[in-house]
Structures are given as C-alpha cells and as structure tokens.
Amino acid sequence: MIKALNPAELLKEARKRAGLTQRELAERAGRAQPAIAKIESGKTDPSTSTLNALIEAAGFELHAELTVRPVSDSHMLGDVSRILGLTPEERLLELANVDRFVNGAKRVS
C-alpha cells in the first residue's frame, strides 16, 4: 500500500531530529514562525518546493520515488498469453523496451 505523504509529520520530525524550535527553523529558512506552526499543525499544506526548503533548512533531504507495485486483476495479466507466444528474441525486445521505459522514468525523478 502506498503511504500518504504527510507534510506536517515530515516537517515536525525533521525539525525535532535537528533539535530546532519552530522559531529557529523559521530563521534558518527565512520564513515566519507562524507559517511553520500552521504547516506542522496541518492547517496549511505547503507546496513541494516549500516543504523541501524547510526540510533542507533542518539539515535533511527529502527523496520521493515511484515504485512498481503488484496489482491483482491488472490488465497486464491478460498480456501473459501474448508474451508466452513470443519468440525468445521478441521477448528480449519487449524487455529492452521496458528497460528503456524504467530508465527514462528514473531520469525524470
């Protein structure tokens, strides 16, 4: 299951692990302390760039990535018979196409 990104929890954890008060984090990030409080309390949802800037000001980096997860009843399961009907050479070409797609997706993140 994909775990939802919770900016309030992420920011609060980063700040506490850095040993900073909200005021100290705000000073480091060039923001107002009430803005930090609103994010940590969940009253406001920061943009990705704001969240990254605040977490970096606390001395951390935030990494996000997409990972393939198995899905039951996927349309891809219907493709099995087609794949099994391919020659070994055709299967290698399919694999090369998937590899190009995955590597392209990694470059985007």
C-alpha atoms as a PDB file:
ATOM      1  CA  MET A   1       0.000   0.000   0.000  1.00  0.00           C
ATOM      2  CA  ILE A   2       1.243   3.500  -0.814  1.00  0.00           C
ATOM      3  CA  LYS A   3       1.788   5.544   2.317  1.00  0.00           C
ATOM      4  CA  ALA A   4       0.385   9.060   2.029  1.00  0.00           C
ATOM      5  CA  LEU A   5       2.863  11.899   2.275  1.00  0.00           C
ATOM      6  CA  ASN A   6       2.077  13.904   5.409  1.00  0.00           C
ATOM      7  CA  PRO A   7       3.897  17.254   5.256  1.00  0.00           C
ATOM      8  CA  ALA A   8       3.007  18.110   8.868  1.00  0.00           C
ATOM      9  CA  GLU A   9       4.584  14.936  10.242  1.00  0.00           C
ATOM     10  CA  LEU A  10       7.617  15.140   7.943  1.00  0.00           C
ATOM     11  CA  LEU A  11       8.405  18.718   8.870  1.00  0.00           C
ATOM     12  CA  LYS A  12       7.861  18.197  12.584  1.00  0.00           C
ATOM     13  CA  GLU A  13      10.080  15.089  12.583  1.00  0.00           C
ATOM     14  CA  ALA A  14      12.850  16.841  10.641  1.00  0.00           C
ATOM     15  CA  ARG A  15      12.754  19.857  12.947  1.00  0.00           C
ATOM     16  CA  LYS A  16      12.783  17.772  16.126  1.00  0.00           C
ATOM     17  CA  ARG A  17      15.554  15.467  14.860  1.00  0.00           C
ATOM     18  CA  ALA A  18      17.599  18.589  14.107  1.00  0.00           C
ATOM     19  CA  GLY A  19      16.975  19.819  17.661  1.00  0.00           C
ATOM     20  CA  LEU A  20      15.377  23.050  16.445  1.00  0.00           C
ATOM     21  CA  THR A  21      12.460  25.084  17.682  1.00  0.00           C
ATOM     22  CA  GLN A  22       9.919  26.351  15.197  1.00  0.00           C
ATOM     23  CA  ARG A  23      11.425  29.826  15.549  1.00  0.00           C
ATOM     24  CA  GLU A  24      14.965  28.546  14.859  1.00  0.00           C
ATOM     25  CA  LEU A  25      13.811  26.635  11.798  1.00  0.00           C
ATOM     26  CA  ALA A  26      11.936  29.689  10.559  1.00  0.00           C
ATOM     27  CA  GLU A  27      15.053  31.834  10.929  1.00  0.00           C
ATOM     28  CA  ARG A  28      17.187  29.306   9.057  1.00  0.00           C
ATOM     29  CA  ALA A  29      14.634  29.061   6.249  1.00  0.00           C
ATOM     30  CA  GLY A  30      13.856  32.768   6.072  1.00  0.00           C
ATOM     31  CA  ARG A  31      10.200  32.145   6.938  1.00  0.00           C
ATOM     32  CA  ALA A  32       7.857  33.262   9.677  1.00  0.00           C
ATOM     33  CA  GLN A  33       7.427  31.022  12.733  1.00  0.00           C
ATOM     34  CA  PRO A  34       3.594  31.074  12.458  1.00  0.00           C
ATOM     35  CA  ALA A  35       3.923  29.616   8.940  1.00  0.00           C
ATOM     36  CA  ILE A  36       5.939  26.702  10.362  1.00  0.00           C
ATOM     37  CA  ALA A  37       3.313  26.204  13.082  1.00  0.00           C
ATOM     38  CA  LYS A  38       0.480  26.151  10.523  1.00  0.00           C
ATOM     39  CA  ILE A  39       2.241  23.505   8.442  1.00  0.00           C
ATOM     40  CA  GLU A  40       3.101  21.329  11.461  1.00  0.00           C
ATOM     41  CA  SER A  41      -0.467  21.527  12.770  1.00  0.00           C
ATOM     42  CA  GLY A  42      -1.860  20.556   9.365  1.00  0.00           C
ATOM     43  CA  LYS A  43      -3.737  23.839   8.970  1.00  0.00           C
ATOM     44  CA  THR A  44      -1.942  24.546   5.706  1.00  0.00           C
ATOM     45  CA  ASP A  45      -0.486  22.280   3.056  1.00  0.00           C
ATOM     46  CA  PRO A  46       2.861  23.563   1.749  1.00  0.00           C
ATOM     47  CA  SER A  47       3.963  23.293  -1.850  1.00  0.00           C
ATOM     48  CA  THR A  48       6.597  20.691  -2.604  1.00  0.00           C
ATOM     49  CA  SER A  49       9.247  23.390  -3.018  1.00  0.00           C
ATOM     50  CA  THR A  50       8.359  24.981   0.337  1.00  0.00           C
ATOM     51  CA  LEU A  51       8.424  21.618   2.126  1.00  0.00           C
ATOM     52  CA  ASN A  52      11.783  20.776   0.535  1.00  0.00           C
ATOM     53  CA  ALA A  53      13.227  24.166   1.533  1.00  0.00           C
ATOM     54  CA  LEU A  54      12.097  23.764   5.146  1.00  0.00           C
ATOM     55  CA  ILE A  55      13.382  20.203   5.421  1.00  0.00           C
ATOM     56  CA  GLU A  56      16.718  21.281   3.908  1.00  0.00           C
ATOM     57  CA  ALA A  57      16.900  24.152   6.411  1.00  0.00           C
ATOM     58  CA  ALA A  58      16.610  21.492   9.128  1.00  0.00           C
ATOM     59  CA  GLY A  59      19.568  19.669   7.554  1.00  0.00           C
ATOM     60  CA  PHE A  60      17.752  16.868   5.749  1.00  0.00           C
ATOM     61  CA  GLU A  61      16.863  15.895   2.193  1.00  0.00           C
ATOM     62  CA  LEU A  62      13.508  14.581   1.090  1.00  0.00           C
ATOM     63  CA  HIS A  63      13.536  11.904  -1.621  1.00  0.00           C
ATOM     64  CA  ALA A  64      10.443  10.688  -3.426  1.00  0.00           C
ATOM     65  CA  GLU A  65      10.301   7.904  -5.958  1.00  0.00           C
ATOM     66  CA  LEU A  66       7.768   5.829  -7.793  1.00  0.00           C
ATOM     67  CA  THR A  67       7.987   2.094  -7.412  1.00  0.00           C
ATOM     68  CA  VAL A  68       6.030  -0.531  -9.276  1.00  0.00           C
ATOM     69  CA  ARG A  69       3.703  -2.460  -7.047  1.00  0.00           C
ATOM     70  CA  PRO A  70       1.883  -5.666  -7.911  1.00  0.00           C
ATOM     71  CA  VAL A  71      -1.777  -5.220  -8.740  1.00  0.00           C
ATOM     72  CA  SER A  72      -4.236  -8.077  -8.754  1.00  0.00           C
ATOM     73  CA  ASP A  73      -6.763  -8.128 -11.553  1.00  0.00           C
ATOM     74  CA  SER A  74      -4.401  -5.997 -13.607  1.00  0.00           C
ATOM     75  CA  HIS A  75      -4.892  -5.587 -17.323  1.00  0.00           C
ATOM     76  CA  MET A  76      -1.262  -6.699 -17.564  1.00  0.00           C
ATOM     77  CA  LEU A  77      -2.238 -10.233 -16.515  1.00  0.00           C
ATOM     78  CA  GLY A  78      -4.197 -10.528 -19.729  1.00  0.00           C
ATOM     79  CA  ASP A  79      -0.961  -9.939 -21.636  1.00  0.00           C
ATOM     80  CA  VAL A  80       0.657 -13.147 -20.350  1.00  0.00           C
ATOM     81  CA  SER A  81      -0.633 -15.351 -23.142  1.00  0.00           C
ATOM     82  CA  ARG A  82       0.627 -12.890 -25.764  1.00  0.00           C
ATOM     83  CA  ILE A  83       4.059 -12.767 -24.135  1.00  0.00           C
ATOM     84  CA  LEU A  84       4.252 -16.551 -23.934  1.00  0.00           C
ATOM     85  CA  GLY A  85       3.540 -16.685 -27.660  1.00  0.00           C
ATOM     86  CA  LEU A  86       6.591 -14.544 -28.483  1.00  0.00           C
ATOM     87  CA  THR A  87       9.870 -15.973 -29.653  1.00  0.00           C
ATOM     88  CA  PRO A  88      12.844 -15.610 -27.288  1.00  0.00           C
ATOM     89  CA  GLU A  89      14.159 -12.799 -29.488  1.00  0.00           C
ATOM     90  CA  GLU A  90      10.827 -10.955 -29.352  1.00  0.00           C
ATOM     91  CA  ARG A  91      10.734 -11.338 -25.557  1.00  0.00           C
ATOM     92  CA  LEU A  92      14.200  -9.776 -25.342  1.00  0.00           C
ATOM     93  CA  LEU A  93      12.986  -6.837 -27.438  1.00  0.00           C
ATOM     94  CA  GLU A  94       9.985  -6.415 -25.075  1.00  0.00           C
ATOM     95  CA  LEU A  95      12.352  -6.492 -22.114  1.00  0.00           C
ATOM     96  CA  ALA A  96      14.604  -3.878 -23.732  1.00  0.00           C
ATOM     97  CA  ASN A  97      11.569  -1.622 -24.255  1.00  0.00           C
ATOM     98  CA  VAL A  98      10.551  -1.987 -20.603  1.00  0.00           C
ATOM     99  CA  ASP A  99      14.130  -1.283 -19.503  1.00  0.00           C
ATOM    100  CA  ARG A 100      14.216   1.928 -21.591  1.00  0.00           C
ATOM    101  CA  PHE A 101      10.907   2.997 -20.076  1.00  0.00           C
ATOM    102  CA  VAL A 102      12.054   2.344 -16.484  1.00  0.00           C
ATOM    103  CA  ASN A 103      15.379   4.135 -17.015  1.00  0.00           C
ATOM    104  CA  GLY A 104      13.570   7.083 -18.579  1.00  0.00           C
ATOM    105  CA  ALA A 105      11.226   7.252 -15.605  1.00  0.00           C
ATOM    106  CA  LYS A 106      14.192   7.242 -13.196  1.00  0.00           C
ATOM    107  CA  ARG A 107      15.750  10.218 -15.000  1.00  0.00           C
ATOM    108  CA  VAL A 108      12.564  12.239 -14.552  1.00  0.00           C
ATOM    109  CA  SER A 109      12.584  11.883 -10.759  1.00  0.00           C
END
